[in-house]
Amino acid sequence: MSNDADASKKVTTKPKKLPLPIKLGVGAIAGIIGTSCIFPIDMIKTRMQASASSSNPVKVLQSIIANEGGIKALYRGLGPNLIGVTPEKAIKLAANELFREYFEKDDGSIEVIHEVIAGGGAGFCQVIATNPMEIVKIRMQMQALLPPAERQSTLEVVKALGIRGMYTGTLATLARDVPFSILFFPAYANIKKHLADEKGNNSFGSTLLSGGVAGAFAAGAVTPSDVIKTRLQMKGGKDKYQNMGHAFRTILKEEGMGALYKGAIPRMAVVGPLFAITLLAFESQKKYMISKGLL
């Protein structure tokens, strides 16, 4: 009876640890794959948010393809975005793994509080790359709303900002990314554990579902922080919104509570699939390297 009972339990074994440089490389590749796959959805989301009349994603998609050069128009701006996403995802995924491994017990298990600390640590570390990427992305996405004479290329935006300017709104970015990671990584790990088979292994489908659900949940939860961060990092944002507290109060006073959740559904629709694909790529690379003895 005891043998049958033991056999019915999921076996948890401590996974093999990858060296930090390998974690960073695998995370970078995973970020490139995930971002490239999801970029068309992000393009549609951005266009919907930029126009009060564009509420139908199918019509937005059709318009872009018909009027802007076909399918390739859906990938406009992917290159500059990858420059920022690659180190951001590398740091985020590698740091979370590194922190989790520090707290893991001999059988590979980890306490929830330690999962939260690991996720928060990863979110804190990633802001080194996230903040410059985010502020440049926001400035570029707003170019179409400027008079032609005032529009800038990516290099011109970077040059105008300078190193110090690239870190405008860092506290707001931390206020978004640390809570996001605190919610995302424990949720992902526990959903994946729940969907694992008797040997503790996950299929492609269960890994995708785990990353997608956790990503969408965390993205929706931190939308207010994302809205405040965006307002502060827009051109002229620091003039109107002096700091996070002032931005919060001003938005509530002028636009109401609903304004803090603008774009929540489109954001969830982007972040969910993004992290589903990115985590699948991350886990698949690790499994392949370990199974082939490449380490």
C-alpha atoms as a PDB file:
ATOM      1  CA  MET A   1       0.000   0.000   0.000  1.00  0.00           C
ATOM      2  CA  SER A   2       2.770   2.425   0.910  1.00  0.00           C
ATOM      3  CA  ASN A   3       4.561   1.748  -2.382  1.00  0.00           C
ATOM      4  CA  ASP A   4       1.381   2.504  -4.333  1.00  0.00           C
ATOM      5  CA  ALA A   5       0.863   5.689  -2.350  1.00  0.00           C
ATOM      6  CA  ASP A   6       4.424   6.778  -2.950  1.00  0.00           C
ATOM      7  CA  ALA A   7       4.154   6.039  -6.661  1.00  0.00           C
ATOM      8  CA  SER A   8       1.072   8.241  -6.953  1.00  0.00           C
ATOM      9  CA  LYS A   9       2.955  11.255  -5.642  1.00  0.00           C
ATOM     10  CA  LYS A  10       4.794  13.574  -7.981  1.00  0.00           C
ATOM     11  CA  VAL A  11       8.530  13.104  -7.759  1.00  0.00           C
ATOM     12  CA  THR A  12      10.482  16.293  -7.179  1.00  0.00           C
ATOM     13  CA  THR A  13      14.186  16.193  -7.962  1.00  0.00           C
ATOM     14  CA  LYS A  14      16.575  19.071  -7.724  1.00  0.00           C
ATOM     15  CA  PRO A  15      17.322  20.278 -11.267  1.00  0.00           C
ATOM     16  CA  LYS A  16      20.862  20.617 -12.530  1.00  0.00           C
ATOM     17  CA  LYS A  17      22.211  24.126 -12.116  1.00  0.00           C
ATOM     18  CA  LEU A  18      23.477  26.039 -15.134  1.00  0.00           C
ATOM     19  CA  PRO A  19      26.426  28.451 -14.840  1.00  0.00           C
ATOM     20  CA  LEU A  20      25.446  32.134 -14.750  1.00  0.00           C
ATOM     21  CA  PRO A  21      26.867  32.932 -18.245  1.00  0.00           C
ATOM     22  CA  ILE A  22      24.757  30.090 -19.678  1.00  0.00           C
ATOM     23  CA  LYS A  23      21.670  31.364 -17.854  1.00  0.00           C
ATOM     24  CA  LEU A  24      22.207  34.822 -19.330  1.00  0.00           C
ATOM     25  CA  GLY A  25      22.724  33.453 -22.840  1.00  0.00           C
ATOM     26  CA  VAL A  26      19.677  31.189 -22.671  1.00  0.00           C
ATOM     27  CA  GLY A  27      17.582  34.031 -21.250  1.00  0.00           C
ATOM     28  CA  ALA A  28      18.691  36.399 -24.016  1.00  0.00           C
ATOM     29  CA  ILE A  29      17.790  33.909 -26.758  1.00  0.00           C
ATOM     30  CA  ALA A  30      14.447  33.195 -25.080  1.00  0.00           C
ATOM     31  CA  GLY A  31      13.708  36.926 -24.965  1.00  0.00           C
ATOM     32  CA  ILE A  32      14.487  37.337 -28.660  1.00  0.00           C
ATOM     33  CA  ILE A  33      12.216  34.418 -29.589  1.00  0.00           C
ATOM     34  CA  GLY A  34       9.345  35.547 -27.381  1.00  0.00           C
ATOM     35  CA  THR A  35       9.491  39.194 -28.446  1.00  0.00           C
ATOM     36  CA  SER A  36       9.770  38.346 -32.144  1.00  0.00           C
ATOM     37  CA  CYS A  37       6.747  36.037 -31.969  1.00  0.00           C
ATOM     38  CA  ILE A  38       4.558  38.496 -30.102  1.00  0.00           C
ATOM     39  CA  PHE A  39       5.654  41.770 -31.743  1.00  0.00           C
ATOM     40  CA  PRO A  40       2.734  41.964 -34.214  1.00  0.00           C
ATOM     41  CA  ILE A  41       0.285  41.771 -31.289  1.00  0.00           C
ATOM     42  CA  ASP A  42       2.211  44.525 -29.521  1.00  0.00           C
ATOM     43  CA  MET A  43       2.038  46.651 -32.680  1.00  0.00           C
ATOM     44  CA  ILE A  44      -1.749  46.238 -32.824  1.00  0.00           C
ATOM     45  CA  LYS A  45      -2.055  46.996 -29.092  1.00  0.00           C
ATOM     46  CA  THR A  46      -0.025  50.199 -29.461  1.00  0.00           C
ATOM     47  CA  ARG A  47      -2.141  51.395 -32.390  1.00  0.00           C
ATOM     48  CA  MET A  48      -5.342  50.673 -30.451  1.00  0.00           C
ATOM     49  CA  GLN A  49      -4.115  52.631 -27.437  1.00  0.00           C
ATOM     50  CA  ALA A  50      -2.975  55.553 -29.599  1.00  0.00           C
ATOM     51  CA  SER A  51      -6.356  56.035 -31.262  1.00  0.00           C
ATOM     52  CA  ALA A  52      -9.726  56.469 -29.593  1.00  0.00           C
ATOM     53  CA  SER A  53     -11.472  55.086 -32.691  1.00  0.00           C
ATOM     54  CA  SER A  54      -9.363  51.927 -33.118  1.00  0.00           C
ATOM     55  CA  SER A  55     -11.160  49.438 -30.865  1.00  0.00           C
ATOM     56  CA  ASN A  56     -11.303  46.431 -33.196  1.00  0.00           C
ATOM     57  CA  PRO A  57      -7.987  44.528 -33.361  1.00  0.00           C
ATOM     58  CA  VAL A  58      -8.968  42.707 -36.574  1.00  0.00           C
ATOM     59  CA  LYS A  59      -9.658  45.995 -38.364  1.00  0.00           C
ATOM     60  CA  VAL A  60      -6.396  47.460 -37.064  1.00  0.00           C
ATOM     61  CA  LEU A  61      -4.514  44.404 -38.349  1.00  0.00           C
ATOM     62  CA  GLN A  62      -6.181  44.618 -41.753  1.00  0.00           C
ATOM     63  CA  SER A  63      -5.461  48.346 -41.992  1.00  0.00           C
ATOM     64  CA  ILE A  64      -1.760  47.929 -41.225  1.00  0.00           C
ATOM     65  CA  ILE A  65      -1.312  45.147 -43.769  1.00  0.00           C
ATOM     66  CA  ALA A  66      -3.331  46.918 -46.471  1.00  0.00           C
ATOM     67  CA  ASN A  67      -1.935  50.431 -46.061  1.00  0.00           C
ATOM     68  CA  GLU A  68       1.584  50.111 -44.676  1.00  0.00           C
ATOM     69  CA  GLY A  69       3.390  47.560 -46.794  1.00  0.00           C
ATOM     70  CA  GLY A  70       1.992  44.145 -45.931  1.00  0.00           C
ATOM     71  CA  ILE A  71       2.993  41.692 -43.206  1.00  0.00           C
ATOM     72  CA  LYS A  72       6.438  43.260 -42.737  1.00  0.00           C
ATOM     73  CA  ALA A  73       4.783  46.423 -41.418  1.00  0.00           C
ATOM     74  CA  LEU A  74       3.767  44.460 -38.318  1.00  0.00           C
ATOM     75  CA  TYR A  75       7.464  44.150 -37.421  1.00  0.00           C
ATOM     76  CA  ARG A  76       8.409  47.815 -37.857  1.00  0.00           C
ATOM     77  CA  GLY A  77      10.611  48.802 -34.913  1.00  0.00           C
ATOM     78  CA  LEU A  78      11.430  45.218 -33.899  1.00  0.00           C
ATOM     79  CA  GLY A  79      15.196  45.692 -34.256  1.00  0.00           C
ATOM     80  CA  PRO A  80      15.579  48.570 -31.780  1.00  0.00           C
ATOM     81  CA  ASN A  81      13.208  46.823 -29.376  1.00  0.00           C
ATOM     82  CA  LEU A  82      15.302  43.640 -29.406  1.00  0.00           C
ATOM     83  CA  ILE A  83      18.395  45.633 -28.460  1.00  0.00           C
ATOM     84  CA  GLY A  84      16.709  46.456 -25.170  1.00  0.00           C
ATOM     85  CA  VAL A  85      14.681  43.271 -24.669  1.00  0.00           C
ATOM     86  CA  THR A  86      17.658  40.915 -25.045  1.00  0.00           C
ATOM     87  CA  PRO A  87      19.584  42.040 -21.942  1.00  0.00           C
ATOM     88  CA  GLU A  88      16.351  42.708 -20.041  1.00  0.00           C
ATOM     89  CA  LYS A  89      15.050  39.148 -20.434  1.00  0.00           C
ATOM     90  CA  ALA A  90      18.526  37.689 -19.900  1.00  0.00           C
ATOM     91  CA  ILE A  91      18.886  39.486 -16.570  1.00  0.00           C
ATOM     92  CA  LYS A  92      15.287  38.837 -15.461  1.00  0.00           C
ATOM     93  CA  LEU A  93      15.255  35.091 -16.116  1.00  0.00           C
ATOM     94  CA  ALA A  94      18.845  34.419 -15.026  1.00  0.00           C
ATOM     95  CA  ALA A  95      18.515  36.443 -11.814  1.00  0.00           C
ATOM     96  CA  ASN A  96      15.311  34.663 -10.809  1.00  0.00           C
ATOM     97  CA  GLU A  97      16.943  31.270 -11.338  1.00  0.00           C
ATOM     98  CA  LEU A  98      20.045  32.332  -9.419  1.00  0.00           C
ATOM     99  CA  PHE A  99      18.029  33.563  -6.437  1.00  0.00           C
ATOM    100  CA  ARG A 100      15.786  30.481  -6.463  1.00  0.00           C
ATOM    101  CA  GLU A 101      18.792  28.159  -6.480  1.00  0.00           C
ATOM    102  CA  TYR A 102      20.195  29.940  -3.449  1.00  0.00           C
ATOM    103  CA  PHE A 103      17.021  29.216  -1.477  1.00  0.00           C
ATOM    104  CA  GLU A 104      16.303  25.710  -2.814  1.00  0.00           C
ATOM    105  CA  LYS A 105      16.374  22.737  -0.460  1.00  0.00           C
ATOM    106  CA  ASP A 106      18.236  19.525  -1.289  1.00  0.00           C
ATOM    107  CA  ASP A 107      15.113  18.011  -2.898  1.00  0.00           C
ATOM    108  CA  GLY A 108      14.654  21.036  -5.173  1.00  0.00           C
ATOM    109  CA  SER A 109      11.667  22.468  -3.261  1.00  0.00           C
ATOM    110  CA  ILE A 110      11.455  26.116  -2.231  1.00  0.00           C
ATOM    111  CA  GLU A 111       9.306  28.029   0.244  1.00  0.00           C
ATOM    112  CA  VAL A 112       6.754  30.494  -1.147  1.00  0.00           C
ATOM    113  CA  ILE A 113       8.356  33.397   0.730  1.00  0.00           C
ATOM    114  CA  HIS A 114      11.667  32.584  -0.934  1.00  0.00           C
ATOM    115  CA  GLU A 115       9.953  32.437  -4.333  1.00  0.00           C
ATOM    116  CA  VAL A 116       8.634  35.934  -3.660  1.00  0.00           C
ATOM    117  CA  ILE A 117      12.096  37.195  -2.637  1.00  0.00           C
ATOM    118  CA  ALA A 118      13.668  35.612  -5.737  1.00  0.00           C
ATOM    119  CA  GLY A 119      11.069  37.164  -8.016  1.00  0.00           C
ATOM    120  CA  GLY A 120      11.440  40.584  -6.401  1.00  0.00           C
ATOM    121  CA  GLY A 121      15.219  40.369  -6.713  1.00  0.00           C
ATOM    122  CA  ALA A 122      14.934  39.523 -10.399  1.00  0.00           C
ATOM    123  CA  GLY A 123      12.587  42.458 -10.978  1.00  0.00           C
ATOM    124  CA  PHE A 124      15.001  44.800  -9.209  1.00  0.00           C
ATOM    125  CA  CYS A 125      17.988  43.617 -11.263  1.00  0.00           C
ATOM    126  CA  GLN A 126      16.246  43.829 -14.629  1.00  0.00           C
ATOM    127  CA  VAL A 127      15.535  47.566 -14.311  1.00  0.00           C
ATOM    128  CA  ILE A 128      19.183  48.187 -15.236  1.00  0.00           C
ATOM    129  CA  ALA A 129      18.197  47.259 -18.796  1.00  0.00           C
ATOM    130  CA  THR A 130      14.437  47.838 -18.674  1.00  0.00           C
ATOM    131  CA  ASN A 131      14.344  51.558 -17.936  1.00  0.00           C
ATOM    132  CA  PRO A 132      16.431  52.727 -20.931  1.00  0.00           C
ATOM    133  CA  MET A 133      14.555  50.320 -23.217  1.00  0.00           C
ATOM    134  CA  GLU A 134      11.145  51.447 -21.971  1.00  0.00           C
ATOM    135  CA  ILE A 135      11.733  55.191 -22.174  1.00  0.00           C
ATOM    136  CA  VAL A 136      13.132  54.972 -25.714  1.00  0.00           C
ATOM    137  CA  LYS A 137      10.251  52.710 -26.775  1.00  0.00           C
ATOM    138  CA  ILE A 138       7.670  55.111 -25.340  1.00  0.00           C
ATOM    139  CA  ARG A 139       9.293  58.138 -26.999  1.00  0.00           C
ATOM    140  CA  MET A 140       9.381  56.301 -30.355  1.00  0.00           C
ATOM    141  CA  GLN A 141       5.760  55.189 -30.071  1.00  0.00           C
ATOM    142  CA  MET A 142       4.722  58.816 -29.567  1.00  0.00           C
ATOM    143  CA  GLN A 143       6.606  60.126 -32.624  1.00  0.00           C
ATOM    144  CA  ALA A 144       3.606  59.802 -34.942  1.00  0.00           C
ATOM    145  CA  LEU A 145       1.673  62.253 -32.759  1.00  0.00           C
ATOM    146  CA  LEU A 146       4.334  64.966 -33.089  1.00  0.00           C
ATOM    147  CA  PRO A 147       4.585  67.526 -35.914  1.00  0.00           C
ATOM    148  CA  PRO A 148       6.846  66.161 -38.715  1.00  0.00           C
ATOM    149  CA  ALA A 149       9.552  68.737 -37.952  1.00  0.00           C
ATOM    150  CA  GLU A 150       9.812  67.503 -34.338  1.00  0.00           C
ATOM    151  CA  ARG A 151      10.007  63.776 -35.023  1.00  0.00           C
ATOM    152  CA  GLN A 152      13.251  61.972 -34.192  1.00  0.00           C
ATOM    153  CA  SER A 153      14.941  58.711 -35.095  1.00  0.00           C
ATOM    154  CA  THR A 154      15.845  56.171 -32.409  1.00  0.00           C
ATOM    155  CA  LEU A 155      19.452  57.383 -32.315  1.00  0.00           C
ATOM    156  CA  GLU A 156      18.325  60.993 -32.016  1.00  0.00           C
ATOM    157  CA  VAL A 157      16.031  60.100 -29.105  1.00  0.00           C
ATOM    158  CA  VAL A 158      18.859  58.262 -27.326  1.00  0.00           C
ATOM    159  CA  LYS A 159      21.296  61.141 -27.936  1.00  0.00           C
ATOM    160  CA  ALA A 160      18.789  63.720 -26.676  1.00  0.00           C
ATOM    161  CA  LEU A 161      18.080  61.750 -23.513  1.00  0.00           C
ATOM    162  CA  GLY A 162      21.689  61.020 -22.594  1.00  0.00           C
ATOM    163  CA  ILE A 163      22.709  58.466 -19.966  1.00  0.00           C
ATOM    164  CA  ARG A 164      20.989  60.295 -17.119  1.00  0.00           C
ATOM    165  CA  GLY A 165      17.818  60.853 -19.114  1.00  0.00           C
ATOM    166  CA  MET A 166      17.638  57.155 -19.993  1.00  0.00           C
ATOM    167  CA  TYR A 167      16.949  56.481 -16.327  1.00  0.00           C
ATOM    168  CA  THR A 168      14.133  59.005 -15.964  1.00  0.00           C
ATOM    169  CA  GLY A 169      11.285  57.333 -14.083  1.00  0.00           C
ATOM    170  CA  THR A 170      13.459  54.555 -12.622  1.00  0.00           C
ATOM    171  CA  LEU A 171      11.501  54.497  -9.358  1.00  0.00           C
ATOM    172  CA  ALA A 172       8.271  54.136 -11.330  1.00  0.00           C
ATOM    173  CA  THR A 173       9.795  51.299 -13.344  1.00  0.00           C
ATOM    174  CA  LEU A 174      10.873  49.587 -10.119  1.00  0.00           C
ATOM    175  CA  ALA A 175       7.347  50.089  -8.746  1.00  0.00           C
ATOM    176  CA  ARG A 176       6.025  48.167 -11.746  1.00  0.00           C
ATOM    177  CA  ASP A 177       8.676  45.509 -12.383  1.00  0.00           C
ATOM    178  CA  VAL A 178       9.402  44.388  -8.811  1.00  0.00           C
ATOM    179  CA  PRO A 179       5.710  43.697  -7.987  1.00  0.00           C
ATOM    180  CA  PHE A 180       5.268  42.116 -11.425  1.00  0.00           C
ATOM    181  CA  SER A 181       8.109  39.670 -10.792  1.00  0.00           C
ATOM    182  CA  ILE A 182       6.947  39.005  -7.227  1.00  0.00           C
ATOM    183  CA  LEU A 183       3.587  37.924  -8.650  1.00  0.00           C
ATOM    184  CA  PHE A 184       4.752  36.333 -11.899  1.00  0.00           C
ATOM    185  CA  PHE A 185       7.569  33.956 -10.938  1.00  0.00           C
ATOM    186  CA  PRO A 186       5.890  32.255  -7.957  1.00  0.00           C
ATOM    187  CA  ALA A 187       2.637  31.967  -9.929  1.00  0.00           C
ATOM    188  CA  TYR A 188       4.462  30.481 -12.916  1.00  0.00           C
ATOM    189  CA  ALA A 189       6.418  27.983 -10.790  1.00  0.00           C
ATOM    190  CA  ASN A 190       3.377  26.800  -8.858  1.00  0.00           C
ATOM    191  CA  ILE A 191       1.042  26.534 -11.858  1.00  0.00           C
ATOM    192  CA  LYS A 192       3.737  24.589 -13.690  1.00  0.00           C
ATOM    193  CA  LYS A 193       4.231  22.317 -10.680  1.00  0.00           C
ATOM    194  CA  HIS A 194       0.477  21.680 -10.493  1.00  0.00           C
ATOM    195  CA  LEU A 195       0.353  20.753 -14.204  1.00  0.00           C
ATOM    196  CA  ALA A 196       3.445  18.509 -14.109  1.00  0.00           C
ATOM    197  CA  ASP A 197       3.168  14.753 -14.562  1.00  0.00           C
ATOM    198  CA  GLU A 198       3.970  12.114 -11.917  1.00  0.00           C
ATOM    199  CA  LYS A 199       7.705  12.505 -12.563  1.00  0.00           C
ATOM    200  CA  GLY A 200       7.582  16.269 -12.255  1.00  0.00           C
ATOM    201  CA  ASN A 201       7.981  16.891 -15.993  1.00  0.00           C
ATOM    202  CA  ASN A 202       6.009  19.440 -18.010  1.00  0.00           C
ATOM    203  CA  SER A 203       4.791  19.234 -21.581  1.00  0.00           C
ATOM    204  CA  PHE A 204       5.152  22.142 -24.020  1.00  0.00           C
ATOM    205  CA  GLY A 205       1.456  22.846 -23.545  1.00  0.00           C
ATOM    206  CA  SER A 206       1.584  23.003 -19.738  1.00  0.00           C
ATOM    207  CA  THR A 207       4.674  25.245 -19.845  1.00  0.00           C
ATOM    208  CA  LEU A 208       2.958  27.603 -22.292  1.00  0.00           C
ATOM    209  CA  LEU A 209      -0.214  27.688 -20.198  1.00  0.00           C
ATOM    210  CA  SER A 210       1.734  28.327 -16.980  1.00  0.00           C
ATOM    211  CA  GLY A 211       3.694  31.232 -18.459  1.00  0.00           C
ATOM    212  CA  GLY A 212       0.654  32.700 -20.188  1.00  0.00           C
ATOM    213  CA  VAL A 213      -1.658  32.649 -17.165  1.00  0.00           C
ATOM    214  CA  ALA A 214       1.025  33.937 -14.785  1.00  0.00           C
ATOM    215  CA  GLY A 215       2.093  36.671 -17.212  1.00  0.00           C
ATOM    216  CA  ALA A 216      -1.430  37.924 -17.886  1.00  0.00           C
ATOM    217  CA  PHE A 217      -2.307  37.889 -14.178  1.00  0.00           C
ATOM    218  CA  ALA A 218       0.800  39.847 -13.142  1.00  0.00           C
ATOM    219  CA  ALA A 219       0.476  42.312 -16.036  1.00  0.00           C
ATOM    220  CA  GLY A 220      -3.108  43.147 -15.152  1.00  0.00           C
ATOM    221  CA  ALA A 221      -2.302  43.582 -11.475  1.00  0.00           C
ATOM    222  CA  VAL A 222       0.469  46.153 -12.035  1.00  0.00           C
ATOM    223  CA  THR A 223      -1.276  48.188 -14.755  1.00  0.00           C
ATOM    224  CA  PRO A 224      -1.646  51.295 -12.511  1.00  0.00           C
ATOM    225  CA  SER A 225       2.122  51.363 -12.002  1.00  0.00           C
ATOM    226  CA  ASP A 226       2.611  50.960 -15.749  1.00  0.00           C
ATOM    227  CA  VAL A 227       0.294  53.895 -16.495  1.00  0.00           C
ATOM    228  CA  ILE A 228       2.129  56.143 -14.019  1.00  0.00           C
ATOM    229  CA  LYS A 229       5.516  55.062 -15.425  1.00  0.00           C
ATOM    230  CA  THR A 230       4.378  55.808 -18.973  1.00  0.00           C
ATOM    231  CA  ARG A 231       3.110  59.277 -18.046  1.00  0.00           C
ATOM    232  CA  LEU A 232       6.399  60.142 -16.322  1.00  0.00           C
ATOM    233  CA  GLN A 233       8.532  58.880 -19.220  1.00  0.00           C
ATOM    234  CA  MET A 234       6.605  60.611 -22.005  1.00  0.00           C
ATOM    235  CA  LYS A 235       8.225  63.716 -23.444  1.00  0.00           C
ATOM    236  CA  GLY A 236       7.252  66.535 -21.084  1.00  0.00           C
ATOM    237  CA  GLY A 237       5.941  64.042 -18.558  1.00  0.00           C
ATOM    238  CA  LYS A 238       8.228  65.184 -15.754  1.00  0.00           C
ATOM    239  CA  ASP A 239       6.976  68.743 -16.227  1.00  0.00           C
ATOM    240  CA  LYS A 240       3.332  67.808 -15.671  1.00  0.00           C
ATOM    241  CA  TYR A 241       3.816  64.846 -13.358  1.00  0.00           C
ATOM    242  CA  GLN A 242       6.589  65.765 -10.941  1.00  0.00           C
ATOM    243  CA  ASN A 243       6.913  62.359  -9.278  1.00  0.00           C
ATOM    244  CA  MET A 244       4.974  59.124  -8.750  1.00  0.00           C
ATOM    245  CA  GLY A 245       2.779  60.466  -5.968  1.00  0.00           C
ATOM    246  CA  HIS A 246       1.938  63.632  -7.877  1.00  0.00           C
ATOM    247  CA  ALA A 247       1.207  61.619 -11.028  1.00  0.00           C
ATOM    248  CA  PHE A 248      -1.117  59.301  -9.099  1.00  0.00           C
ATOM    249  CA  ARG A 249      -3.051  62.190  -7.544  1.00  0.00           C
ATOM    250  CA  THR A 250      -3.241  64.153 -10.806  1.00  0.00           C
ATOM    251  CA  ILE A 251      -4.533  61.191 -12.814  1.00  0.00           C
ATOM    252  CA  LEU A 252      -7.168  60.408 -10.178  1.00  0.00           C
ATOM    253  CA  LYS A 253      -8.282  64.035 -10.000  1.00  0.00           C
ATOM    254  CA  GLU A 254      -8.394  64.730 -13.740  1.00  0.00           C
ATOM    255  CA  GLU A 255      -9.365  61.312 -15.175  1.00  0.00           C
ATOM    256  CA  GLY A 256     -10.699  59.120 -12.401  1.00  0.00           C
ATOM    257  CA  MET A 257      -9.726  55.655 -11.137  1.00  0.00           C
ATOM    258  CA  GLY A 258     -10.431  54.029 -14.502  1.00  0.00           C
ATOM    259  CA  ALA A 259      -7.510  55.895 -16.079  1.00  0.00           C
ATOM    260  CA  LEU A 260      -5.084  53.883 -13.945  1.00  0.00           C
ATOM    261  CA  TYR A 261      -6.254  50.744 -15.735  1.00  0.00           C
ATOM    262  CA  LYS A 262      -6.079  52.073 -19.296  1.00  0.00           C
ATOM    263  CA  GLY A 263      -4.744  49.397 -21.621  1.00  0.00           C
ATOM    264  CA  ALA A 264      -5.018  46.631 -19.011  1.00  0.00           C
ATOM    265  CA  ILE A 265      -6.666  44.111 -21.370  1.00  0.00           C
ATOM    266  CA  PRO A 266      -4.351  44.791 -24.356  1.00  0.00           C
ATOM    267  CA  ARG A 267      -1.363  44.658 -21.985  1.00  0.00           C
ATOM    268  CA  MET A 268      -2.473  41.298 -20.617  1.00  0.00           C
ATOM    269  CA  ALA A 269      -3.037  40.061 -24.177  1.00  0.00           C
ATOM    270  CA  VAL A 270       0.577  40.932 -25.016  1.00  0.00           C
ATOM    271  CA  VAL A 271       2.412  40.018 -21.814  1.00  0.00           C
ATOM    272  CA  GLY A 272       0.656  36.657 -21.361  1.00  0.00           C
ATOM    273  CA  PRO A 273       1.725  35.162 -24.718  1.00  0.00           C
ATOM    274  CA  LEU A 274       5.118  36.922 -24.507  1.00  0.00           C
ATOM    275  CA  PHE A 275       6.046  35.189 -21.274  1.00  0.00           C
ATOM    276  CA  ALA A 276       4.435  31.919 -22.345  1.00  0.00           C
ATOM    277  CA  ILE A 277       6.693  31.732 -25.410  1.00  0.00           C
ATOM    278  CA  THR A 278       9.750  33.164 -23.633  1.00  0.00           C
ATOM    279  CA  LEU A 279       9.556  30.697 -20.729  1.00  0.00           C
ATOM    280  CA  LEU A 280       8.955  27.787 -23.113  1.00  0.00           C
ATOM    281  CA  ALA A 281      12.068  28.793 -25.079  1.00  0.00           C
ATOM    282  CA  PHE A 282      14.028  29.228 -21.838  1.00  0.00           C
ATOM    283  CA  GLU A 283      13.039  25.843 -20.394  1.00  0.00           C
ATOM    284  CA  SER A 284      13.472  24.016 -23.719  1.00  0.00           C
ATOM    285  CA  GLN A 285      17.004  25.312 -24.159  1.00  0.00           C
ATOM    286  CA  LYS A 286      17.957  24.255 -20.643  1.00  0.00           C
ATOM    287  CA  LYS A 287      16.541  20.762 -21.095  1.00  0.00           C
ATOM    288  CA  TYR A 288      18.307  20.338 -24.446  1.00  0.00           C
ATOM    289  CA  MET A 289      21.680  21.444 -23.115  1.00  0.00           C
ATOM    290  CA  ILE A 290      21.435  19.184 -20.068  1.00  0.00           C
ATOM    291  CA  SER A 291      20.188  16.158 -22.068  1.00  0.00           C
ATOM    292  CA  LYS A 292      23.014  16.497 -24.610  1.00  0.00           C
ATOM    293  CA  GLY A 293      25.664  16.983 -21.941  1.00  0.00           C
ATOM    294  CA  LEU A 294      26.717  20.311 -23.428  1.00  0.00           C
ATOM    295  CA  LEU A 295      27.671  21.813 -20.062  1.00  0.00           C
END
